[in-house]
Amino acid sequence: MRQPALLAIDQGTSSSRAIVFSVDGVPLIVSQKELASRYGPGGWVEQDPEEIWRTTLETCREAVGVAQDRGLEIAAAGIANQRETTVVWERSSGRPVYNAIVWQDRRGAKRCSELRRQGLASKIAEATGLVPDSYFSATKLQWLLEHVEDADATAATGKLAFGTIDTFLLWRLTGGRMHATDATNASRTMLFNIATQQWDPDLLELFRVPRAILPEVRDSVSDYGTIHADLLGPEIPIRGIAGDQQAAAIGQACFEPGMAKCTYGTGAFLLINVGGSKPEPADGLLGTVGSRFAGETSYAIEGTIFNAGSTVQWLSETLRLVADPARSSGLAATVDDTGGVVLVPAFTGLGAPHWDPEARGGIFGLSRDTTPAHIVRAGLEAVAYQTHDLLEAAGGLGQYGRLRVDGAMAKNDWLMQFLADILGAPVERPAVTETTALGAAFLAGLGAGTYDGTDAVGRLWKENSRFTPSGADYASHLALWQESVRRVRKRAGIATVNV
């Protein structure tokens, strides 16, 4: 008898991955392909939808092929995806009409400024839990419909389909038989009413989006069809979908109100489970759908840091201050502090809790004694300071009192200890740090009946390391950080290197 396993399709900003997990949550097989982004003036960021599809399909074929060779039987698949990234394609051919507009893209900033000037921010926040920002899908979709030839008229006839990356992949994987998304991804479009759990007609009118172009919204665990046999060989049922950050919270077993996780990847994303009541907009943080099981919605508060791992990547690849991002903590540890240097990585503006698209990064406090180690350390410290800002806006960690972390940067012991010191709270790193993919696998298992509920999933979570606060006083460091943030928001050019 073949051993049962679960397939996680993890389509992220920088790569596409397929991971086969055992039913007890252990990664058995990993296939990964890098993914390129294209950057343009004005903060434009795009990706090739066909490259997204090709890399996803190649990794799935490789992982499933190895699984078959090892005697594993894939019970079901789940999808986790980069959220907000927007694709429009022809229903008849499946051909995208334009590049995928990535979540980091800022071309909708002017439109969002107009909405704020028109006094519509509170209306949007009340319906969606979001603030008007180019980060979300609505202005990306509106731009596509207005700037791609004939797209607006064609969309109204139902001949075009819109989707975030999960929806685009689902369409391709099922041979065009399924045009759907889940509630977590829908909640990131700025078109979905998180109270009614429906596409909001007033917002569709505001952004001039025809209803005919939108996917069906389903539970995070649902019947999403079957992967076409021509693609992978076996017909694998797709039983779960969640946006990457919500999938990571599921992989971290954050099922109880008050539990919090932060994922450190290209950006950093804090999610705090707040239970079954829709959160009220507050202090620059977002209300969002954490999950939806059997029609029951669990909400979350979210804070978004636009640049985390991308900061270290910039220090390595652009400034060449460290040969390899993986060596950044070693270099940072060679100095006792930053020597007064503060780096605010507002490359594409500031996310929560500031939501300032006009801010741009700056390096402050440079002197003749400044070394690459000081600047690299300042870049790492900035990740911890921004996390502190998010939790301060959220009112702290509450009764749960600790933060679960994951993502590539969570493997950095130096940074995790500094984070615990800055937060004054324990930081927990799980045994399996691939929590986004693990969350997708858990959703697949819940849909396939492998697990009888979230309690069974929660029992699979295991701690690898815990970082406890050292008791050091960082109040002066935080004050210097806050002053530096104020300066980049003012676009001050005194004693800075603008980046």
Protein backbone atom coordinates (compact mmCIF):
# COMPACT_ATOMS: atom_id res chain seq x y z
CA MET A 1 0.00 0.00 0.00
CA ARG A 2 1.31 3.44 -0.95
CA GLN A 3 2.00 5.87 1.88
CA PRO A 4 -0.38 8.89 1.82
CA ALA A 5 1.07 12.37 1.37
CA LEU A 6 -0.06 15.93 0.63
CA LEU A 7 1.06 18.31 -2.12
CA ALA A 8 1.58 22.00 -1.31
CA ILE A 9 1.82 24.41 -4.24
CA ASP A 10 3.55 27.50 -2.87
CA GLN A 11 3.70 30.23 -5.49
CA GLY A 12 5.62 33.19 -4.05
CA THR A 13 7.05 36.47 -5.25
CA SER A 14 10.58 35.23 -5.81
CA SER A 15 10.00 31.56 -6.60
CA SER A 16 7.50 28.81 -7.28
CA ARG A 17 7.72 25.70 -5.14
CA ALA A 18 6.04 22.35 -4.80
CA ILE A 19 6.53 20.50 -1.51
CA VAL A 20 5.27 17.03 -0.68
CA PHE A 21 4.51 16.63 3.03
CA SER A 22 3.87 13.54 5.06
CA VAL A 23 0.52 13.57 6.84
CA ASP A 24 2.28 14.44 10.10
CA GLY A 25 3.60 17.67 8.55
CA VAL A 26 7.16 16.71 7.63
CA PRO A 27 8.48 18.01 4.29
CA LEU A 28 9.62 15.03 2.22
CA ILE A 29 10.26 16.43 -1.27
CA VAL A 30 10.97 20.02 -2.33
CA SER A 31 11.16 21.41 -5.85
CA GLN A 32 11.81 25.11 -6.41
CA LYS A 33 12.25 27.40 -9.43
CA GLU A 34 13.30 31.04 -9.21
CA LEU A 35 10.97 33.69 -10.62
CA ALA A 36 11.99 37.02 -12.12
CA SER A 37 10.32 40.40 -11.56
CA ARG A 38 10.48 43.39 -13.87
CA TYR A 39 10.85 46.83 -12.33
CA GLY A 40 9.86 50.06 -14.03
CA PRO A 41 9.73 53.79 -13.30
CA GLY A 42 7.25 54.98 -10.71
CA GLY A 43 7.44 51.82 -8.65
CA TRP A 44 6.03 49.48 -11.31
CA VAL A 45 6.61 45.77 -10.63
CA GLU A 46 5.46 43.06 -13.04
CA GLN A 47 5.92 39.33 -13.64
CA ASP A 48 5.26 37.12 -16.64
CA PRO A 49 2.14 35.02 -15.94
CA GLU A 50 3.42 32.32 -18.28
CA GLU A 51 6.64 32.10 -16.28
CA ILE A 52 4.59 31.82 -13.09
CA TRP A 53 2.63 28.97 -14.67
CA ARG A 54 5.69 27.27 -16.20
CA THR A 55 7.67 27.28 -12.96
CA THR A 56 4.66 26.08 -10.97
CA LEU A 57 3.99 23.23 -13.38
CA GLU A 58 7.66 22.21 -13.55
CA THR A 59 8.02 22.05 -9.77
CA CYS A 60 4.78 20.09 -9.40
CA ARG A 61 5.84 17.58 -12.03
CA GLU A 62 9.21 17.12 -10.40
CA ALA A 63 7.82 16.73 -6.86
CA VAL A 64 4.99 14.40 -7.86
CA GLY A 65 7.34 12.31 -10.00
CA VAL A 66 9.74 11.80 -7.09
CA ALA A 67 6.81 11.05 -4.79
CA GLN A 68 5.60 8.30 -7.12
CA ASP A 69 9.09 6.83 -7.31
CA ARG A 70 9.17 6.69 -3.49
CA GLY A 71 5.83 4.93 -3.26
CA LEU A 72 3.86 7.94 -2.02
CA GLU A 73 0.26 8.62 -2.99
CA ILE A 74 -0.84 12.26 -3.08
CA ALA A 75 -4.20 12.43 -1.31
CA ALA A 76 -4.87 16.07 -2.17
CA ALA A 77 -3.22 19.37 -3.09
CA GLY A 78 -3.44 22.83 -1.56
CA ILE A 79 -2.41 26.20 -2.98
CA ALA A 80 -0.75 29.10 -1.18
CA ASN A 81 0.07 32.16 -3.24
CA GLN A 82 1.52 35.65 -3.31
CA ARG A 83 -1.53 37.77 -2.59
CA GLU A 84 -2.93 40.84 -4.37
CA THR A 85 -0.89 40.16 -7.53
CA THR A 86 -3.35 40.64 -10.39
CA VAL A 87 -3.83 38.72 -13.64
CA VAL A 88 -6.47 39.07 -16.37
CA TRP A 89 -6.82 36.46 -19.09
CA GLU A 90 -9.07 35.40 -21.97
CA ARG A 91 -11.57 32.74 -21.01
CA SER A 92 -11.49 31.17 -24.47
CA SER A 93 -7.72 30.72 -24.74
CA GLY A 94 -6.44 31.21 -21.20
CA ARG A 95 -3.99 33.78 -22.60
CA PRO A 96 -3.14 36.65 -20.22
CA VAL A 97 -3.89 40.04 -21.73
CA TYR A 98 -1.04 41.71 -19.82
CA ASN A 99 1.73 40.91 -17.36
CA ALA A 100 0.86 40.07 -13.78
CA ILE A 101 0.91 43.28 -11.74
CA VAL A 102 2.72 42.35 -8.53
CA TRP A 103 1.53 43.27 -5.04
CA GLN A 104 4.55 45.59 -4.63
CA ASP A 105 3.51 47.68 -7.65
CA ARG A 106 2.74 51.36 -6.95
CA ARG A 107 1.00 52.48 -10.16
CA GLY A 108 -2.30 52.79 -8.31
CA ALA A 109 -0.95 55.26 -5.74
CA LYS A 110 -2.43 58.31 -7.50
CA ARG A 111 -5.86 56.69 -7.67
CA CYS A 112 -5.67 55.84 -3.96
CA SER A 113 -4.75 59.43 -3.14
CA GLU A 114 -7.85 60.55 -5.05
CA LEU A 115 -10.01 58.19 -3.02
CA ARG A 116 -8.63 59.58 0.22
CA ARG A 117 -9.19 63.17 -0.92
CA GLN A 118 -12.77 62.24 -1.81
CA GLY A 119 -13.32 61.05 1.75
CA LEU A 120 -13.86 57.43 0.73
CA ALA A 121 -11.18 55.85 2.93
CA SER A 122 -13.58 55.15 5.81
CA LYS A 123 -16.16 53.59 3.49
CA ILE A 124 -13.53 51.30 1.98
CA ALA A 125 -12.18 50.40 5.42
CA GLU A 126 -15.62 49.62 6.79
CA ALA A 127 -16.41 47.22 3.94
CA THR A 128 -13.01 45.61 3.34
CA GLY A 129 -10.91 46.20 6.47
CA LEU A 130 -8.28 47.76 4.20
CA VAL A 131 -6.91 51.22 3.57
CA PRO A 132 -6.85 52.70 0.05
CA ASP A 133 -3.43 51.62 -1.18
CA SER A 134 -1.90 50.44 -4.43
CA TYR A 135 -0.81 47.30 -2.58
CA PHE A 136 -4.26 45.76 -3.08
CA SER A 137 -5.73 44.38 -6.30
CA ALA A 138 -8.53 46.86 -7.05
CA THR A 139 -6.45 49.69 -8.53
CA LYS A 140 -4.26 47.19 -10.41
CA LEU A 141 -7.35 45.66 -12.00
CA GLN A 142 -8.83 49.06 -12.79
CA TRP A 143 -5.56 50.10 -14.47
CA LEU A 144 -5.51 46.90 -16.57
CA LEU A 145 -9.08 47.36 -17.75
CA GLU A 146 -8.46 50.99 -18.66
CA HIS A 147 -5.05 50.62 -20.35
CA VAL A 148 -5.15 47.29 -22.20
CA GLU A 149 -6.81 47.73 -25.58
CA ASP A 150 -10.51 46.73 -25.56
CA ALA A 151 -10.14 45.12 -22.12
CA ASP A 152 -12.86 47.23 -20.50
CA ALA A 153 -15.50 46.41 -23.11
CA THR A 154 -14.46 42.76 -23.39
CA ALA A 155 -14.56 42.28 -19.62
CA ALA A 156 -18.15 43.50 -19.47
CA THR A 157 -19.20 40.71 -21.86
CA GLY A 158 -17.70 38.04 -19.62
CA LYS A 159 -14.99 37.07 -22.09
CA LEU A 160 -12.18 37.95 -19.68
CA ALA A 161 -11.40 36.49 -16.26
CA PHE A 162 -9.67 38.18 -13.34
CA GLY A 163 -7.82 36.46 -10.59
CA THR A 164 -5.11 36.68 -8.01
CA ILE A 165 -2.39 34.08 -8.54
CA ASP A 166 -4.34 31.28 -6.85
CA THR A 167 -7.22 31.77 -9.26
CA PHE A 168 -4.95 31.90 -12.31
CA LEU A 169 -3.17 28.70 -11.30
CA LEU A 170 -6.45 26.98 -10.44
CA TRP A 171 -7.81 27.83 -13.90
CA ARG A 172 -4.73 26.35 -15.56
CA LEU A 173 -4.49 23.30 -13.29
CA THR A 174 -8.12 22.34 -13.88
CA GLY A 175 -8.01 22.98 -17.62
CA GLY A 176 -10.23 26.06 -17.36
CA ARG A 177 -13.00 24.25 -15.48
CA MET A 178 -12.68 26.21 -12.25
CA HIS A 179 -12.75 30.00 -11.86
CA ALA A 180 -12.69 30.45 -8.09
CA THR A 181 -10.77 31.88 -5.16
CA ASP A 182 -11.01 31.56 -1.41
CA ALA A 183 -12.18 34.15 1.10
CA THR A 184 -8.66 35.00 2.31
CA ASN A 185 -7.48 35.99 -1.17
CA ALA A 186 -10.74 37.76 -1.97
CA SER A 187 -10.33 39.83 1.20
CA ARG A 188 -7.08 41.29 -0.24
CA THR A 189 -8.59 42.71 -3.42
CA MET A 190 -10.29 45.80 -1.90
CA LEU A 191 -13.43 44.64 -3.71
CA PHE A 192 -14.71 42.10 -1.17
CA ASN A 193 -16.94 42.93 1.78
CA ILE A 194 -15.52 40.95 4.70
CA ALA A 195 -18.73 41.36 6.74
CA THR A 196 -21.15 40.07 4.09
CA GLN A 197 -18.53 37.74 2.54
CA GLN A 198 -19.59 38.90 -0.92
CA TRP A 199 -18.14 41.03 -3.71
CA ASP A 200 -19.24 44.54 -2.79
CA PRO A 201 -21.43 46.15 -5.50
CA ASP A 202 -20.56 49.70 -4.42
CA LEU A 203 -16.83 49.00 -4.66
CA LEU A 204 -17.23 47.30 -8.04
CA GLU A 205 -18.90 50.46 -9.27
CA LEU A 206 -16.27 52.69 -7.66
CA PHE A 207 -13.41 50.86 -9.38
CA ARG A 208 -15.43 50.22 -12.56
CA VAL A 209 -15.01 46.44 -12.34
CA PRO A 210 -17.71 44.33 -14.05
CA ARG A 211 -19.06 41.45 -11.94
CA ALA A 212 -18.67 39.08 -14.88
CA ILE A 213 -14.89 39.12 -14.59
CA LEU A 214 -14.74 38.00 -10.94
CA PRO A 215 -14.24 34.47 -9.59
CA GLU A 216 -16.54 32.58 -7.25
CA VAL A 217 -15.49 32.92 -3.60
CA ARG A 218 -15.30 29.67 -1.62
CA ASP A 219 -14.18 28.48 1.81
CA SER A 220 -10.46 28.00 2.39
CA VAL A 221 -11.20 24.26 2.51
CA SER A 222 -13.43 23.34 -0.41
CA ASP A 223 -13.71 21.23 -3.54
CA TYR A 224 -11.62 23.16 -6.04
CA GLY A 225 -11.75 20.51 -8.73
CA THR A 226 -9.02 18.18 -9.89
CA ILE A 227 -5.62 18.74 -11.46
CA HIS A 228 -5.97 17.62 -15.06
CA ALA A 229 -4.40 14.22 -15.66
CA ASP A 230 -2.50 15.52 -18.70
CA LEU A 231 -0.45 17.80 -16.41
CA LEU A 232 0.89 15.53 -13.64
CA GLY A 233 -0.29 12.02 -14.44
CA PRO A 234 -2.50 11.25 -11.44
CA GLU A 235 -5.69 13.29 -11.10
CA ILE A 236 -5.00 15.03 -7.80
CA PRO A 237 -7.95 16.75 -6.07
CA ILE A 238 -7.40 20.36 -4.99
CA ARG A 239 -8.99 20.79 -1.59
CA GLY A 240 -7.60 24.01 -0.11
CA ILE A 241 -6.50 27.53 -0.99
CA ALA A 242 -5.25 30.45 1.10
CA GLY A 243 -3.20 33.56 0.54
CA ASP A 244 0.38 33.03 1.62
CA GLN A 245 0.17 34.91 4.91
CA GLN A 246 -3.04 33.25 6.01
CA ALA A 247 -1.56 29.90 4.94
CA ALA A 248 1.47 30.63 7.12
CA ALA A 249 -0.81 31.34 10.10
CA ILE A 250 -2.51 27.99 9.49
CA GLY A 251 0.90 26.33 9.23
CA GLN A 252 1.77 27.97 12.56
CA ALA A 253 -1.47 26.58 14.04
CA CYS A 254 -2.68 30.07 15.00
CA PHE A 255 -6.26 28.90 15.41
CA GLU A 256 -7.07 30.57 18.73
CA PRO A 257 -7.84 34.29 19.19
CA GLY A 258 -4.75 36.17 20.34
CA MET A 259 -2.26 33.90 18.61
CA ALA A 260 0.14 35.81 16.36
CA LYS A 261 2.69 35.00 13.71
CA CYS A 262 5.06 37.07 11.59
CA THR A 263 6.48 35.79 8.32
CA TYR A 264 9.80 37.23 7.16
CA GLY A 265 10.26 36.90 3.41
CA THR A 266 10.57 39.58 0.74
CA GLY A 267 8.38 41.65 3.03
CA ALA A 268 7.21 40.85 6.55
CA PHE A 269 3.64 40.12 7.53
CA LEU A 270 2.13 40.08 11.00
CA LEU A 271 -1.20 38.30 11.52
CA ILE A 272 -3.07 38.21 14.82
CA ASN A 273 -6.11 35.95 15.11
CA VAL A 274 -9.07 37.94 16.50
CA GLY A 275 -11.77 35.28 16.21
CA GLY A 276 -15.22 35.44 14.67
CA SER A 277 -15.98 39.15 15.01
CA LYS A 278 -15.00 41.55 12.24
CA PRO A 279 -12.28 43.86 13.58
CA GLU A 280 -12.81 47.60 13.55
CA PRO A 281 -10.30 49.64 11.51
CA ALA A 282 -7.62 50.97 13.84
CA ASP A 283 -4.20 52.62 13.86
CA GLY A 284 -3.12 51.84 10.32
CA LEU A 285 -3.52 48.07 10.66
CA LEU A 286 -5.76 46.01 8.43
CA GLY A 287 -8.74 43.82 9.10
CA THR A 288 -8.77 40.71 6.95
CA VAL A 289 -10.11 37.19 6.67
CA GLY A 290 -7.81 34.76 8.46
CA SER A 291 -9.64 31.66 7.24
CA ARG A 292 -13.11 30.44 6.37
CA PHE A 293 -14.05 26.87 7.26
CA ALA A 294 -17.54 25.45 6.66
CA GLY A 295 -18.89 28.95 6.13
CA GLU A 296 -17.53 30.21 9.47
CA THR A 297 -15.15 33.16 9.12
CA SER A 298 -12.20 33.73 11.41
CA TYR A 299 -10.83 37.27 11.18
CA ALA A 300 -7.34 38.63 11.67
CA ILE A 301 -5.54 41.90 12.17
CA GLU A 302 -2.65 42.29 9.78
CA GLY A 303 0.33 44.58 9.54
CA THR A 304 2.53 44.67 6.46
CA ILE A 305 6.20 45.60 6.14
CA PHE A 306 7.02 46.13 2.48
CA ASN A 307 10.76 45.47 2.74
CA ALA A 308 12.37 42.83 4.98
CA GLY A 309 14.38 40.21 3.10
CA SER A 310 14.49 42.57 0.12
CA THR A 311 16.46 45.01 2.31
CA VAL A 312 19.23 42.48 2.87
CA GLN A 313 19.08 41.54 -0.80
CA TRP A 314 19.58 45.22 -1.70
CA LEU A 315 22.51 45.53 0.69
CA SER A 316 24.10 42.48 -0.94
CA GLU A 317 23.26 42.72 -4.63
CA THR A 318 23.09 46.48 -5.16
CA LEU A 319 25.41 48.03 -2.58
CA ARG A 320 27.59 44.88 -2.39
CA LEU A 321 28.23 45.42 1.32
CA VAL A 322 27.96 41.69 2.04
CA ALA A 323 28.78 38.92 -0.42
CA ASP A 324 25.80 36.73 0.46
CA PRO A 325 22.56 37.70 2.26
CA ALA A 326 22.97 34.55 4.37
CA ARG A 327 26.18 36.03 5.82
CA SER A 328 24.54 39.29 6.91
CA SER A 329 24.07 38.25 10.54
CA GLY A 330 27.70 37.18 10.82
CA LEU A 331 28.83 40.56 9.55
CA ALA A 332 26.36 42.39 11.80
CA ALA A 333 27.65 40.52 14.84
CA THR A 334 31.18 41.83 14.29
CA VAL A 335 30.12 45.24 15.65
CA ASP A 336 28.52 45.97 19.03
CA ASP A 337 25.92 48.31 17.56
CA THR A 338 25.25 50.32 14.41
CA GLY A 339 27.45 53.23 15.46
CA GLY A 340 24.39 55.48 15.34
CA VAL A 341 23.44 54.45 11.78
CA VAL A 342 19.73 53.94 11.06
CA LEU A 343 18.45 52.51 7.75
CA VAL A 344 14.78 53.05 6.91
CA PRO A 345 14.06 50.76 3.93
CA ALA A 346 11.11 52.64 2.45
CA PHE A 347 12.06 51.67 -1.10
CA THR A 348 8.42 51.59 -2.23
CA GLY A 349 6.93 53.71 0.54
CA LEU A 350 6.02 52.65 4.05
CA GLY A 351 3.38 50.04 4.81
CA ALA A 352 1.58 49.62 8.11
CA PRO A 353 1.04 51.45 10.34
CA HIS A 354 2.04 54.53 8.29
CA TRP A 355 0.70 53.76 4.78
CA ASP A 356 2.81 56.50 3.23
CA PRO A 357 3.41 55.81 -0.49
CA GLU A 358 5.47 58.99 -0.85
CA ALA A 359 8.09 58.06 1.75
CA ARG A 360 11.45 56.94 0.41
CA GLY A 361 14.27 55.17 2.16
CA GLY A 362 17.15 56.84 3.89
CA ILE A 363 20.36 56.08 5.73
CA PHE A 364 21.00 58.35 8.70
CA GLY A 365 23.91 58.91 11.05
CA LEU A 366 26.78 58.18 8.67
CA SER A 367 30.28 59.15 9.83
CA ARG A 368 33.88 58.51 8.80
CA ASP A 369 33.85 55.57 11.19
CA THR A 370 30.89 53.88 9.50
CA THR A 371 31.71 50.47 8.04
CA PRO A 372 29.70 48.03 5.89
CA ALA A 373 29.04 46.03 9.08
CA HIS A 374 27.30 49.03 10.67
CA ILE A 375 25.03 49.55 7.66
CA VAL A 376 24.20 45.85 7.30
CA ARG A 377 23.40 45.65 11.01
CA ALA A 378 21.17 48.72 10.63
CA GLY A 379 19.33 46.95 7.80
CA LEU A 380 18.67 43.90 9.96
CA GLU A 381 17.67 45.99 12.97
CA ALA A 382 15.15 47.83 10.77
CA VAL A 383 13.19 44.58 10.39
CA ALA A 384 12.86 44.26 14.17
CA TYR A 385 11.96 47.93 14.64
CA GLN A 386 9.21 47.70 12.02
CA THR A 387 7.80 44.60 13.71
CA HIS A 388 7.78 46.52 17.00
CA ASP A 389 5.83 49.35 15.29
CA LEU A 390 3.20 46.89 14.07
CA LEU A 391 2.70 45.30 17.47
CA GLU A 392 2.57 48.69 19.20
CA ALA A 393 -0.21 49.71 16.80
CA ALA A 394 -2.01 46.43 17.53
CA GLY A 395 -1.82 47.01 21.27
CA GLY A 396 0.85 44.38 21.91
CA LEU A 397 0.76 40.60 21.97
CA GLY A 398 -2.07 40.36 24.49
CA GLN A 399 -2.64 37.32 26.68
CA TYR A 400 -0.83 34.94 24.37
CA GLY A 401 2.29 36.99 25.01
CA ARG A 402 4.62 35.59 22.36
CA LEU A 403 5.21 35.71 18.64
CA ARG A 404 5.61 32.77 16.27
CA VAL A 405 7.98 33.47 13.37
CA ASP A 406 8.72 31.85 10.04
CA GLY A 407 10.18 32.59 6.62
CA ALA A 408 13.76 32.70 5.43
CA MET A 409 14.86 35.48 7.80
CA ALA A 410 13.47 33.56 10.79
CA LYS A 411 16.42 31.19 10.40
CA ASN A 412 18.71 34.07 11.40
CA ASP A 413 19.40 33.45 15.12
CA TRP A 414 21.02 36.85 15.64
CA LEU A 415 18.00 38.68 14.21
CA MET A 416 15.47 36.58 16.15
CA GLN A 417 17.27 37.29 19.42
CA PHE A 418 17.38 41.01 18.62
CA LEU A 419 13.66 40.83 17.78
CA ALA A 420 12.88 39.24 21.16
CA ASP A 421 14.90 41.97 22.89
CA ILE A 422 13.12 44.77 21.02
CA LEU A 423 9.66 43.27 21.62
CA GLY A 424 10.38 42.31 25.21
CA ALA A 425 8.58 39.03 24.52
CA PRO A 426 9.49 35.45 23.58
CA VAL A 427 9.88 34.61 19.91
CA GLU A 428 9.04 31.03 18.87
CA ARG A 429 10.47 29.38 15.77
CA PRO A 430 8.82 26.13 14.66
CA ALA A 431 10.54 22.91 13.71
CA VAL A 432 9.14 23.29 10.19
CA THR A 433 9.85 26.84 8.99
CA GLU A 434 8.17 26.24 5.62
CA THR A 435 4.91 27.25 7.24
CA THR A 436 3.27 28.79 4.16
CA ALA A 437 3.55 25.53 2.25
CA LEU A 438 2.70 23.57 5.40
CA GLY A 439 -0.49 25.59 5.75
CA ALA A 440 -1.46 24.72 2.17
CA ALA A 441 -0.79 21.05 2.94
CA PHE A 442 -2.90 21.23 6.12
CA LEU A 443 -5.78 22.76 4.13
CA ALA A 444 -5.49 19.95 1.58
CA GLY A 445 -5.50 17.38 4.40
CA LEU A 446 -8.54 18.95 6.06
CA GLY A 447 -10.37 18.86 2.73
CA ALA A 448 -9.36 15.27 2.05
CA GLY A 449 -10.39 14.05 5.50
CA THR A 450 -6.81 13.31 6.53
CA TYR A 451 -7.37 15.46 9.65
CA ASP A 452 -10.65 15.58 11.53
CA GLY A 453 -10.30 19.26 12.44
CA THR A 454 -7.99 22.10 13.33
CA ASP A 455 -7.25 20.62 16.77
CA ALA A 456 -5.59 17.67 15.04
CA VAL A 457 -3.55 20.10 12.94
CA GLY A 458 -2.58 22.13 16.01
CA ARG A 459 -1.14 19.07 17.71
CA LEU A 460 1.35 18.69 14.86
CA TRP A 461 3.01 22.06 15.54
CA LYS A 462 6.40 21.70 17.23
CA GLU A 463 8.81 24.31 18.53
CA ASN A 464 12.41 24.31 17.31
CA SER A 465 13.83 27.32 19.16
CA ARG A 466 12.65 29.94 21.61
CA PHE A 467 14.37 33.32 21.94
CA THR A 468 13.73 35.07 25.24
CA PRO A 469 14.38 38.77 25.92
CA SER A 470 17.78 39.55 27.40
CA GLY A 471 16.44 42.50 29.37
CA ALA A 472 18.62 45.04 27.54
CA ASP A 473 17.16 48.55 27.29
CA TYR A 474 16.59 49.60 23.69
CA ALA A 475 14.43 52.67 24.36
CA SER A 476 17.00 55.07 22.91
CA HIS A 477 17.39 52.93 19.79
CA LEU A 478 13.63 52.91 19.23
CA ALA A 479 13.48 56.69 19.70
CA LEU A 480 16.21 57.17 17.08
CA TRP A 481 14.35 54.81 14.74
CA GLN A 482 11.09 56.74 15.14
CA GLU A 483 12.85 60.03 14.44
CA SER A 484 14.36 58.55 11.28
CA VAL A 485 10.94 57.33 10.12
CA ARG A 486 9.55 60.83 10.61
CA ARG A 487 12.35 62.23 8.46
CA VAL A 488 11.76 59.91 5.51
CA ARG A 489 8.04 60.67 5.69
CA LYS A 490 8.90 64.35 5.36
CA ARG A 491 11.24 63.46 2.49
CA ALA A 492 14.01 65.29 4.38
CA GLY A 493 17.30 65.22 2.52
CA ILE A 494 19.60 66.44 5.33
CA ALA A 495 22.35 64.03 6.36
CA THR A 496 20.79 61.17 4.38
CA VAL A 497 21.59 58.96 1.49
CA ASN A 498 18.28 58.57 -0.34
CA VAL A 499 17.71 55.08 -1.67
